[in-house]
Amino acid sequence: MGTKYLIRMALRNLARNTRRSFLSALSLVIALAMIVFAQGFIRGMLDKTEDNTARYKTGHVRIADEEYLRQERLLPLSEAVTTGPALDDIIGALPGVAARTDRIRFGVLLDHDDNSVPAMGLAADPDMERDVFRLQDAIVDGEYLSGSDNEVIMGTGLADELGIGVGDTLVLITQTAYGSPTGANLVVRGTVRTGAGQIDATHFFMTLASAQDLLDMDGRVSEVVLMLDDRDRAASASTALQQRLDEAGFTGIRALGIDSDVMISFFGMAEAIYFFIYLIILAVASTAIINTMMMVVFERTREIGMMKALGMTNRSVIGVLVLESAFIGLGGSVAGVLFGAALVLGLSSGGGIDFSGALGGEANPTLMSGVVHPQLTTMAIASSFLLGLLLSFAVGVVSTRRVARMNPAQALRTI
């Protein structure tokens, strides 16, 4: 029997009970819309967290002392990288470097009006940092660093805890790279809200020159952070950079790509876990289509018996039923993907999804941003659409196996 005839018969059968067909497709629409939205949300969350990690912590490539990396949680100022023309030449010869910043990280005690708070300092050249962490875009009050020696900008959470505002003076107490106590009076030039609770609640920022003078680290930094034109080149770029550092005699200095960071490695595992969650959502949706197709087989037992008695082969009868399931899947997949895509695009172009409360607001200890802008990808649309089609086809094949065992004479006697 011709394929065109089977297709017309399948479409006619679907039109005979539009409500049942619609409800079956609706379950697939909801499932695929959820999957497209979930993929967009997860992709937006992971990409933003990875971007925060790269810009604040690792860069795409990071240069640091081996001992500093081993003791990084202690922020040992004595384990530093010596900057200068030799290092500049090596970095300048590395292709694809879009931005560079030299940083010092150090722990301090900040005091304002007898209110003392432990905090984390990050010192960098204001101009270099513009293209890396982009603090100038996160200013909520005051201004970005001008380059003066006695100024800082700080996270809004830290400023609130200190009870300090723009123009106020605070006292900084810390140790030099040699362990000697040191301190300074600094003026708050601005406050920033990056969206990452770990930074907004605990960090302040000052110029590299003033920090080097304060900490006795002239010509030395904790790390050099590089941003590349292509993040995917991080591994090869770090390998090439390490080779050049070794050849130039920079002993004990390591160049690490972003993928070496524990949090970034976790993201790959998380995406695999999320994929299985998507499959579970589809499996739940498949029950509605299975029920529909089983009902079709049982309700049309006499009709199926008549078709087989008139000469239709098992293959043709099953073909009609499978085509019905496939058409339900096609309509549901198209509608589900479009609905999910519209939802993702609407939220992405708007204010995003604010779940900072669930993360603890500025008490959030991670680099995850409280506001997520979902991202729609071609892969999400294509994979969701294909999963919907394959699921519908597979369900149709499985649920119509009873037809092959059906005896035409017994089927015609069924009430």
Protein backbone atom coordinates (compact mmCIF):
# COMPACT_ATOMS: atom_id res chain seq x y z
CA MET A 1 0.00 0.00 0.00
CA GLY A 2 1.39 3.40 -1.01
CA THR A 3 2.98 5.77 1.48
CA LYS A 4 0.77 8.68 0.39
CA TYR A 5 -2.35 6.63 1.12
CA LEU A 6 -1.07 5.71 4.58
CA ILE A 7 -0.29 9.38 5.33
CA ARG A 8 -3.78 10.49 4.26
CA MET A 9 -5.35 7.75 6.39
CA ALA A 10 -3.24 8.77 9.43
CA LEU A 11 -4.21 12.43 9.06
CA ARG A 12 -7.88 11.52 8.68
CA ASN A 13 -7.75 9.37 11.80
CA LEU A 14 -6.23 12.23 13.79
CA ALA A 15 -8.95 14.59 12.60
CA ARG A 16 -11.64 12.15 13.79
CA ASN A 17 -10.75 12.88 17.42
CA THR A 18 -9.10 16.27 17.57
CA ARG A 19 -9.48 16.63 21.35
CA ARG A 20 -7.53 13.43 22.05
CA SER A 21 -4.87 14.38 19.52
CA PHE A 22 -4.58 17.89 20.98
CA LEU A 23 -4.20 16.69 24.57
CA SER A 24 -1.51 14.20 23.54
CA ALA A 25 0.41 16.91 21.68
CA LEU A 26 -0.06 19.33 24.58
CA SER A 27 1.92 17.13 26.95
CA LEU A 28 4.81 17.16 24.50
CA VAL A 29 4.51 20.93 24.02
CA ILE A 30 4.79 21.53 27.76
CA ALA A 31 7.70 19.09 28.15
CA LEU A 32 9.74 20.53 25.26
CA ALA A 33 9.01 24.12 26.30
CA MET A 34 10.30 23.23 29.78
CA ILE A 35 13.42 21.65 28.31
CA VAL A 36 14.20 24.60 26.00
CA PHE A 37 13.67 27.01 28.89
CA ALA A 38 15.74 24.86 31.28
CA GLN A 39 18.60 24.65 28.79
CA GLY A 40 18.46 28.42 28.26
CA PHE A 41 18.38 29.12 31.98
CA ILE A 42 21.21 26.70 32.82
CA ARG A 43 23.31 27.96 29.89
CA GLY A 44 22.80 31.56 30.97
CA MET A 45 23.64 30.77 34.59
CA LEU A 46 26.75 28.73 33.78
CA ASP A 47 28.04 31.19 31.18
CA LYS A 48 27.62 34.14 33.54
CA THR A 49 29.30 32.28 36.41
CA GLU A 50 32.13 31.20 34.11
CA ASP A 51 32.51 34.78 32.88
CA ASN A 52 32.60 36.03 36.49
CA THR A 53 35.19 33.38 37.34
CA ALA A 54 37.34 34.32 34.35
CA ARG A 55 37.16 38.08 34.84
CA TYR A 56 37.56 38.09 38.61
CA LYS A 57 39.69 35.05 39.33
CA THR A 58 41.36 32.99 36.61
CA GLY A 59 41.23 34.93 33.35
CA HIS A 60 41.39 32.67 30.33
CA VAL A 61 45.07 32.23 31.23
CA ARG A 62 46.64 33.06 34.59
CA ILE A 63 50.33 33.43 35.46
CA ALA A 64 51.28 32.91 39.11
CA ASP A 65 53.99 31.48 41.34
CA GLU A 66 53.68 27.72 42.01
CA GLU A 67 53.89 28.23 45.76
CA TYR A 68 51.26 30.97 45.60
CA LEU A 69 48.90 28.61 43.79
CA ARG A 70 49.43 25.93 46.45
CA GLN A 71 48.69 28.39 49.24
CA GLU A 72 46.23 30.58 47.38
CA ARG A 73 43.60 30.52 50.13
CA LEU A 74 46.18 32.16 52.44
CA LEU A 75 47.10 34.82 49.84
CA PRO A 76 50.88 34.69 50.48
CA LEU A 77 52.25 38.04 49.31
CA SER A 78 55.81 36.75 49.49
CA GLU A 79 55.13 34.31 46.63
CA ALA A 80 54.86 36.77 43.77
CA VAL A 81 55.54 37.20 40.06
CA THR A 82 58.14 39.77 39.05
CA THR A 83 56.86 41.92 36.22
CA GLY A 84 58.92 43.90 33.75
CA PRO A 85 60.07 44.04 30.11
CA ALA A 86 61.04 40.34 29.97
CA LEU A 87 57.55 39.18 30.96
CA ASP A 88 55.91 41.88 28.84
CA ASP A 89 57.74 40.63 25.74
CA ILE A 90 56.67 37.02 26.33
CA ILE A 91 53.02 37.98 26.80
CA GLY A 92 53.16 40.39 23.86
CA ALA A 93 54.34 37.58 21.58
CA LEU A 94 51.38 35.36 22.55
CA PRO A 95 48.72 35.57 19.81
CA GLY A 96 45.07 36.22 20.60
CA VAL A 97 45.50 38.18 23.85
CA ALA A 98 42.62 40.65 24.10
CA ALA A 99 43.35 42.12 27.53
CA ARG A 100 45.79 41.85 30.42
CA THR A 101 45.76 42.94 34.03
CA ASP A 102 48.30 42.58 36.85
CA ARG A 103 46.79 42.05 40.30
CA ILE A 104 47.61 41.79 43.98
CA ARG A 105 45.14 40.04 46.29
CA PHE A 106 45.46 40.56 50.03
CA GLY A 107 43.47 40.31 53.24
CA VAL A 108 42.91 43.38 55.45
CA LEU A 109 40.99 44.78 58.36
CA LEU A 110 38.95 47.87 57.47
CA ASP A 111 37.86 50.33 60.14
CA HIS A 112 35.37 53.20 60.01
CA ASP A 113 33.95 54.96 63.06
CA ASP A 114 35.13 52.14 65.36
CA ASN A 115 33.41 49.56 63.14
CA SER A 116 36.01 46.99 62.06
CA VAL A 117 35.34 44.48 59.28
CA PRO A 118 37.67 41.88 57.67
CA ALA A 119 37.79 42.29 53.90
CA MET A 120 39.57 41.23 50.73
CA GLY A 121 41.56 43.69 48.68
CA LEU A 122 42.18 43.48 44.95
CA ALA A 123 44.70 45.93 43.54
CA ALA A 124 45.09 46.51 39.82
CA ASP A 125 45.87 49.17 37.28
CA PRO A 126 42.53 50.97 36.67
CA ASP A 127 43.05 51.20 32.91
CA MET A 128 44.09 47.55 32.52
CA GLU A 129 41.15 46.41 34.65
CA ARG A 130 38.60 48.22 32.48
CA ASP A 131 38.82 45.48 29.84
CA VAL A 132 38.89 42.57 32.29
CA PHE A 133 36.66 42.86 35.36
CA ARG A 134 34.83 45.93 33.99
CA LEU A 135 34.14 47.42 37.39
CA GLN A 136 33.33 50.74 35.75
CA ASP A 137 30.08 49.18 34.49
CA ALA A 138 29.07 48.07 38.02
CA ILE A 139 29.32 51.48 39.74
CA VAL A 140 26.11 52.29 41.65
CA ASP A 141 27.33 55.37 43.51
CA GLY A 142 30.32 57.64 43.00
CA GLU A 143 32.96 57.07 40.33
CA TYR A 144 35.51 54.57 39.09
CA LEU A 145 39.13 54.71 40.28
CA SER A 146 40.94 57.77 38.92
CA GLY A 147 44.44 56.47 39.67
CA SER A 148 45.11 58.41 42.86
CA ASP A 149 46.99 56.61 45.61
CA ASN A 150 44.55 57.11 48.45
CA GLU A 151 41.24 55.98 46.93
CA VAL A 152 39.20 52.78 46.86
CA ILE A 153 35.93 51.50 45.51
CA MET A 154 34.09 48.73 47.32
CA GLY A 155 31.18 46.34 47.07
CA THR A 156 27.82 47.64 48.25
CA GLY A 157 27.48 44.89 50.85
CA LEU A 158 30.85 45.70 52.40
CA ALA A 159 30.06 49.43 52.38
CA ASP A 160 26.75 48.80 54.14
CA GLU A 161 28.44 46.63 56.78
CA LEU A 162 30.97 49.37 57.47
CA GLY A 163 28.30 52.06 57.38
CA ILE A 164 30.38 54.03 54.92
CA GLY A 165 29.59 56.02 51.81
CA VAL A 166 31.24 57.87 48.94
CA GLY A 167 33.66 60.53 50.21
CA ASP A 168 34.13 58.93 53.62
CA THR A 169 37.55 57.90 54.94
CA LEU A 170 38.43 54.47 56.26
CA VAL A 171 41.49 52.94 57.87
CA LEU A 172 43.15 49.90 56.28
CA ILE A 173 45.30 47.60 58.43
CA THR A 174 47.30 44.70 56.94
CA GLN A 175 50.80 43.21 56.59
CA THR A 176 53.51 43.73 54.00
CA ALA A 177 55.01 40.94 51.91
CA TYR A 178 57.68 40.65 54.62
CA GLY A 179 55.20 40.27 57.48
CA SER A 180 55.51 43.78 58.87
CA PRO A 181 52.33 45.61 59.96
CA THR A 182 51.23 48.46 57.75
CA GLY A 183 48.21 50.64 57.20
CA ALA A 184 46.74 53.56 55.30
CA ASN A 185 43.91 56.07 55.31
CA LEU A 186 41.82 55.72 52.16
CA VAL A 187 38.89 57.62 50.69
CA VAL A 188 35.88 55.80 49.23
CA ARG A 189 35.50 56.98 45.64
CA GLY A 190 32.60 54.69 44.66
CA THR A 191 30.58 51.56 45.40
CA VAL A 192 29.92 48.69 43.00
CA ARG A 193 27.34 45.95 42.66
CA THR A 194 28.67 43.16 40.46
CA GLY A 195 25.80 40.75 41.15
CA ALA A 196 28.21 38.19 42.63
CA GLY A 197 27.58 38.08 46.38
CA GLN A 198 31.12 36.95 47.24
CA ILE A 199 32.54 40.12 45.71
CA ASP A 200 29.90 42.66 46.71
CA ALA A 201 29.95 41.64 50.39
CA THR A 202 33.68 41.27 51.01
CA HIS A 203 35.80 43.09 48.42
CA PHE A 204 37.29 46.51 47.87
CA PHE A 205 39.51 47.66 44.98
CA MET A 206 42.48 50.02 44.86
CA THR A 207 45.22 50.96 42.42
CA LEU A 208 48.14 48.61 41.86
CA ALA A 209 50.74 51.32 42.41
CA SER A 210 49.39 52.29 45.84
CA ALA A 211 49.11 48.61 46.89
CA GLN A 212 52.67 47.85 45.80
CA ASP A 213 53.91 50.77 47.86
CA LEU A 214 51.76 49.79 50.85
CA LEU A 215 52.73 46.09 50.76
CA ASP A 216 56.43 46.45 49.84
CA MET A 217 55.87 44.70 46.51
CA ASP A 218 57.52 47.08 44.07
CA GLY A 219 57.62 45.43 40.63
CA ARG A 220 55.84 42.30 41.89
CA VAL A 221 52.25 41.08 41.71
CA SER A 222 50.24 38.10 42.92
CA GLU A 223 49.17 37.16 39.40
CA VAL A 224 48.93 38.23 35.80
CA VAL A 225 45.54 37.60 34.20
CA LEU A 226 45.02 37.34 30.43
CA MET A 227 41.76 37.41 28.48
CA LEU A 228 41.83 35.88 25.00
CA ASP A 229 39.88 36.61 21.84
CA ASP A 230 38.77 32.97 21.89
CA ARG A 231 38.14 31.29 25.23
CA ASP A 232 38.44 27.85 23.57
CA ARG A 233 42.13 28.53 22.95
CA ALA A 234 42.88 28.79 26.68
CA ALA A 235 44.45 25.33 26.98
CA SER A 236 46.76 25.68 23.97
CA ALA A 237 47.64 29.28 24.87
CA SER A 238 48.59 28.34 28.45
CA THR A 239 50.76 25.48 27.17
CA ALA A 240 52.56 27.77 24.70
CA LEU A 241 53.00 30.46 27.34
CA GLN A 242 54.42 27.98 29.86
CA GLN A 243 56.98 26.81 27.32
CA ARG A 244 58.11 30.40 26.68
CA LEU A 245 58.31 31.16 30.41
CA ASP A 246 60.49 28.09 30.96
CA GLU A 247 62.75 29.01 28.06
CA ALA A 248 63.14 32.55 29.41
CA GLY A 249 64.22 31.27 32.83
CA PHE A 250 61.06 32.06 34.83
CA THR A 251 61.51 29.19 37.27
CA GLY A 252 58.61 28.30 39.57
CA ILE A 253 56.13 30.32 37.52
CA ARG A 254 53.03 28.58 36.14
CA ALA A 255 50.68 29.50 33.30
CA LEU A 256 47.26 27.90 33.81
CA GLY A 257 44.22 27.83 31.52
CA ILE A 258 40.73 28.49 32.83
CA ASP A 259 39.79 24.80 32.57
CA SER A 260 42.19 24.00 35.41
CA ASP A 261 39.90 25.79 37.86
CA VAL A 262 37.79 23.42 39.99
CA MET A 263 34.58 25.40 39.49
CA ILE A 264 34.94 25.43 35.71
CA SER A 265 35.57 21.66 35.71
CA PHE A 266 32.39 21.21 37.73
CA PHE A 267 30.35 22.98 35.04
CA GLY A 268 31.07 20.19 32.52
CA MET A 269 29.83 17.57 34.96
CA ALA A 270 26.78 19.68 35.81
CA GLU A 271 25.73 19.91 32.16
CA ALA A 272 25.83 16.10 31.86
CA ILE A 273 23.60 15.81 34.94
CA TYR A 274 21.15 18.34 33.53
CA PHE A 275 20.93 16.33 30.30
CA PHE A 276 19.61 13.33 32.23
CA ILE A 277 17.05 15.60 33.90
CA TYR A 278 15.84 16.67 30.45
CA LEU A 279 15.43 13.01 29.50
CA ILE A 280 13.34 12.39 32.62
CA ILE A 281 11.05 15.28 31.67
CA LEU A 282 10.61 13.77 28.21
CA ALA A 283 9.97 10.33 29.65
CA VAL A 284 7.14 11.72 31.77
CA ALA A 285 5.67 13.45 28.71
CA SER A 286 5.85 10.21 26.73
CA THR A 287 3.33 8.54 29.03
CA ALA A 288 0.53 10.72 27.62
CA ILE A 289 1.38 9.72 24.05
CA ILE A 290 1.70 6.05 25.03
CA ASN A 291 -1.73 6.17 26.69
CA THR A 292 -3.22 7.82 23.61
CA MET A 293 -1.80 5.26 21.21
CA MET A 294 -2.83 2.33 23.43
CA MET A 295 -6.35 3.76 23.58
CA VAL A 296 -6.33 4.08 19.80
CA VAL A 297 -5.40 0.41 19.41
CA PHE A 298 -8.02 -0.85 21.88
CA GLU A 299 -10.83 1.45 20.70
CA ARG A 300 -10.26 0.59 17.06
CA THR A 301 -9.85 -3.14 17.44
CA ARG A 302 -12.73 -3.93 15.08
CA GLU A 303 -11.55 -1.31 12.60
CA ILE A 304 -8.05 -2.77 12.65
CA GLY A 305 -9.49 -6.27 12.21
CA MET A 306 -11.50 -5.04 9.21
CA MET A 307 -8.40 -3.47 7.63
CA LYS A 308 -6.46 -6.71 8.07
CA ALA A 309 -9.38 -8.79 6.75
CA LEU A 310 -9.50 -6.60 3.63
CA GLY A 311 -5.86 -7.35 2.93
CA MET A 312 -3.87 -4.68 4.74
CA THR A 313 -0.67 -6.15 6.06
CA ASN A 314 0.50 -5.80 9.65
CA ARG A 315 3.19 -3.48 8.36
CA SER A 316 0.64 -1.14 6.73
CA VAL A 317 -1.65 -1.05 9.76
CA ILE A 318 1.26 -0.39 12.10
CA GLY A 319 2.54 2.21 9.63
CA VAL A 320 -0.72 4.16 9.89
CA LEU A 321 -0.66 4.14 13.69
CA VAL A 322 3.02 5.07 13.84
CA LEU A 323 2.39 7.94 11.42
CA GLU A 324 -0.40 9.19 13.69
CA SER A 325 2.04 9.20 16.61
CA ALA A 326 4.69 10.88 14.47
CA PHE A 327 2.30 13.65 13.39
CA ILE A 328 1.35 14.27 17.01
CA GLY A 329 5.07 14.43 17.81
CA LEU A 330 5.80 16.77 14.90
CA GLY A 331 3.08 19.23 15.87
CA GLY A 332 3.95 19.03 19.57
CA SER A 333 7.68 19.41 18.92
CA VAL A 334 7.27 22.47 16.70
CA ALA A 335 4.87 24.17 19.10
CA GLY A 336 6.89 23.22 22.18
CA VAL A 337 10.20 24.48 20.80
CA LEU A 338 8.64 27.74 19.58
CA PHE A 339 6.92 28.36 22.90
CA GLY A 340 10.09 27.61 24.85
CA ALA A 341 12.18 29.82 22.55
CA ALA A 342 9.73 32.70 22.91
CA LEU A 343 9.88 32.36 26.70
CA VAL A 344 13.70 32.36 26.73
CA LEU A 345 13.96 35.34 24.37
CA GLY A 346 11.39 37.31 26.36
CA LEU A 347 13.22 36.79 29.65
CA SER A 348 16.64 37.34 28.09
CA SER A 349 15.74 40.68 26.52
CA GLY A 350 13.96 41.81 29.69
CA GLY A 351 15.35 42.08 33.18
CA GLY A 352 16.28 38.41 33.39
CA ILE A 353 15.34 36.14 36.30
CA ASP A 354 16.25 37.42 39.73
CA PHE A 355 16.86 34.57 42.17
CA SER A 356 19.38 36.38 44.34
CA GLY A 357 17.16 35.71 47.33
CA ALA A 358 17.58 31.98 46.85
CA LEU A 359 21.36 32.45 46.79
CA GLY A 360 21.37 34.47 49.98
CA GLY A 361 21.73 37.87 48.33
CA GLU A 362 25.09 39.47 49.12
CA ALA A 363 25.75 36.65 51.60
CA ASN A 364 26.11 34.32 48.61
CA PRO A 365 29.62 32.83 48.90
CA THR A 366 29.92 31.94 45.20
CA LEU A 367 30.61 33.85 42.00
CA MET A 368 27.12 33.08 40.70
CA SER A 369 25.14 36.17 39.71
CA GLY A 370 21.73 36.62 41.31
CA VAL A 371 20.17 37.70 38.00
CA VAL A 372 20.25 35.20 35.15
CA HIS A 373 19.58 36.10 31.52
CA PRO A 374 18.61 32.83 29.76
CA GLN A 375 20.43 32.15 26.50
CA LEU A 376 18.77 30.57 23.48
CA THR A 377 21.12 28.38 21.45
CA THR A 378 20.68 26.62 18.13
CA MET A 379 21.79 23.40 19.80
CA ALA A 380 19.02 23.67 22.42
CA ILE A 381 16.36 24.14 19.74
CA ALA A 382 17.65 21.39 17.44
CA SER A 383 18.24 18.83 20.20
CA SER A 384 14.83 19.44 21.82
CA PHE A 385 13.03 19.19 18.48
CA LEU A 386 14.82 15.97 17.51
CA LEU A 387 14.23 14.43 20.95
CA GLY A 388 10.51 15.16 20.63
CA LEU A 389 10.30 13.57 17.19
CA LEU A 390 12.32 10.49 18.14
CA LEU A 391 10.30 10.01 21.31
CA SER A 392 6.99 10.18 19.45
CA PHE A 393 8.20 7.76 16.78
CA ALA A 394 9.53 5.29 19.35
CA VAL A 395 6.32 5.46 21.39
CA GLY A 396 4.28 4.80 18.27
CA VAL A 397 6.32 1.72 17.41
CA VAL A 398 6.18 0.29 20.94
CA SER A 399 2.49 0.94 21.59
CA THR A 400 1.30 -0.68 18.33
CA ARG A 401 3.08 -4.03 18.72
CA ARG A 402 -0.26 -5.58 19.75
CA VAL A 403 -1.54 -5.06 16.19
CA ALA A 404 0.87 -7.65 14.80
CA ARG A 405 -0.54 -10.32 17.13
CA MET A 406 -4.18 -9.43 16.45
CA ASN A 407 -6.30 -12.08 14.71
CA PRO A 408 -8.70 -10.47 12.17
CA ALA A 409 -11.60 -12.85 12.92
CA GLN A 410 -11.38 -12.31 16.67
CA ALA A 411 -10.98 -8.56 16.19
CA LEU A 412 -14.19 -8.37 14.09
CA ARG A 413 -16.15 -10.12 16.89
CA THR A 414 -14.94 -7.55 19.47
CA ILE A 415 -17.74 -5.38 20.82
